[in-house]
């Protein structure tokens, strides 16, 4: 994988850009002035980030290949989050009822697009092929199995999977101890 240079990154015009950020030269961004990226974050090949409103990505975040973050609601991804390949995160969604027309080629007076914020709190991990719908809120430490459909609020340190997503069991909090050790190791370098 080939990453953009520091000079290339600065030319993209992000709202803010942390240190040691690695972004594939095959990733695509729209409205970079609405996108903030924290330290030590990596965005892989063929990812699409389209910030209709605001996308805020914390530190030590990995967004894997073919993932997309799209919509007119706020998208907030906190520190130490991992989005596995082909994750699709939407903060906007058409009305499928048949009462309105759909898609962005139609004037907004004939559509009924839902725009809701999406939040993924610290230490969450999303498996490959998941779809995250507008209004979803994943509390701290949530883990979601591959190919799941996420809508609504997922409680902290829970493991979820399915279509629609269902609670499976609680997740270990040992990673919080490891985070402290990791931070200490960085400070002692």
Foldseek 3Di string as FASTA:
>chain_A
DDWDDPVRVVVVQACEEEPPETEHPQEEEAPNVQEYEYAQEYEDHQEYEYELHHEYYYYCEYEEANEYEDEDAYEYEYPQEYEYAQEYEYQKDWDPPPQFDDDPVDPPVRTDMHGAYEYADAQEYEEHNEYEYHQEYEDANEYEYHNEYTDHYDDHQFYWYDDDIDTDGGHDPVVVVVVVVVVVVVVVD
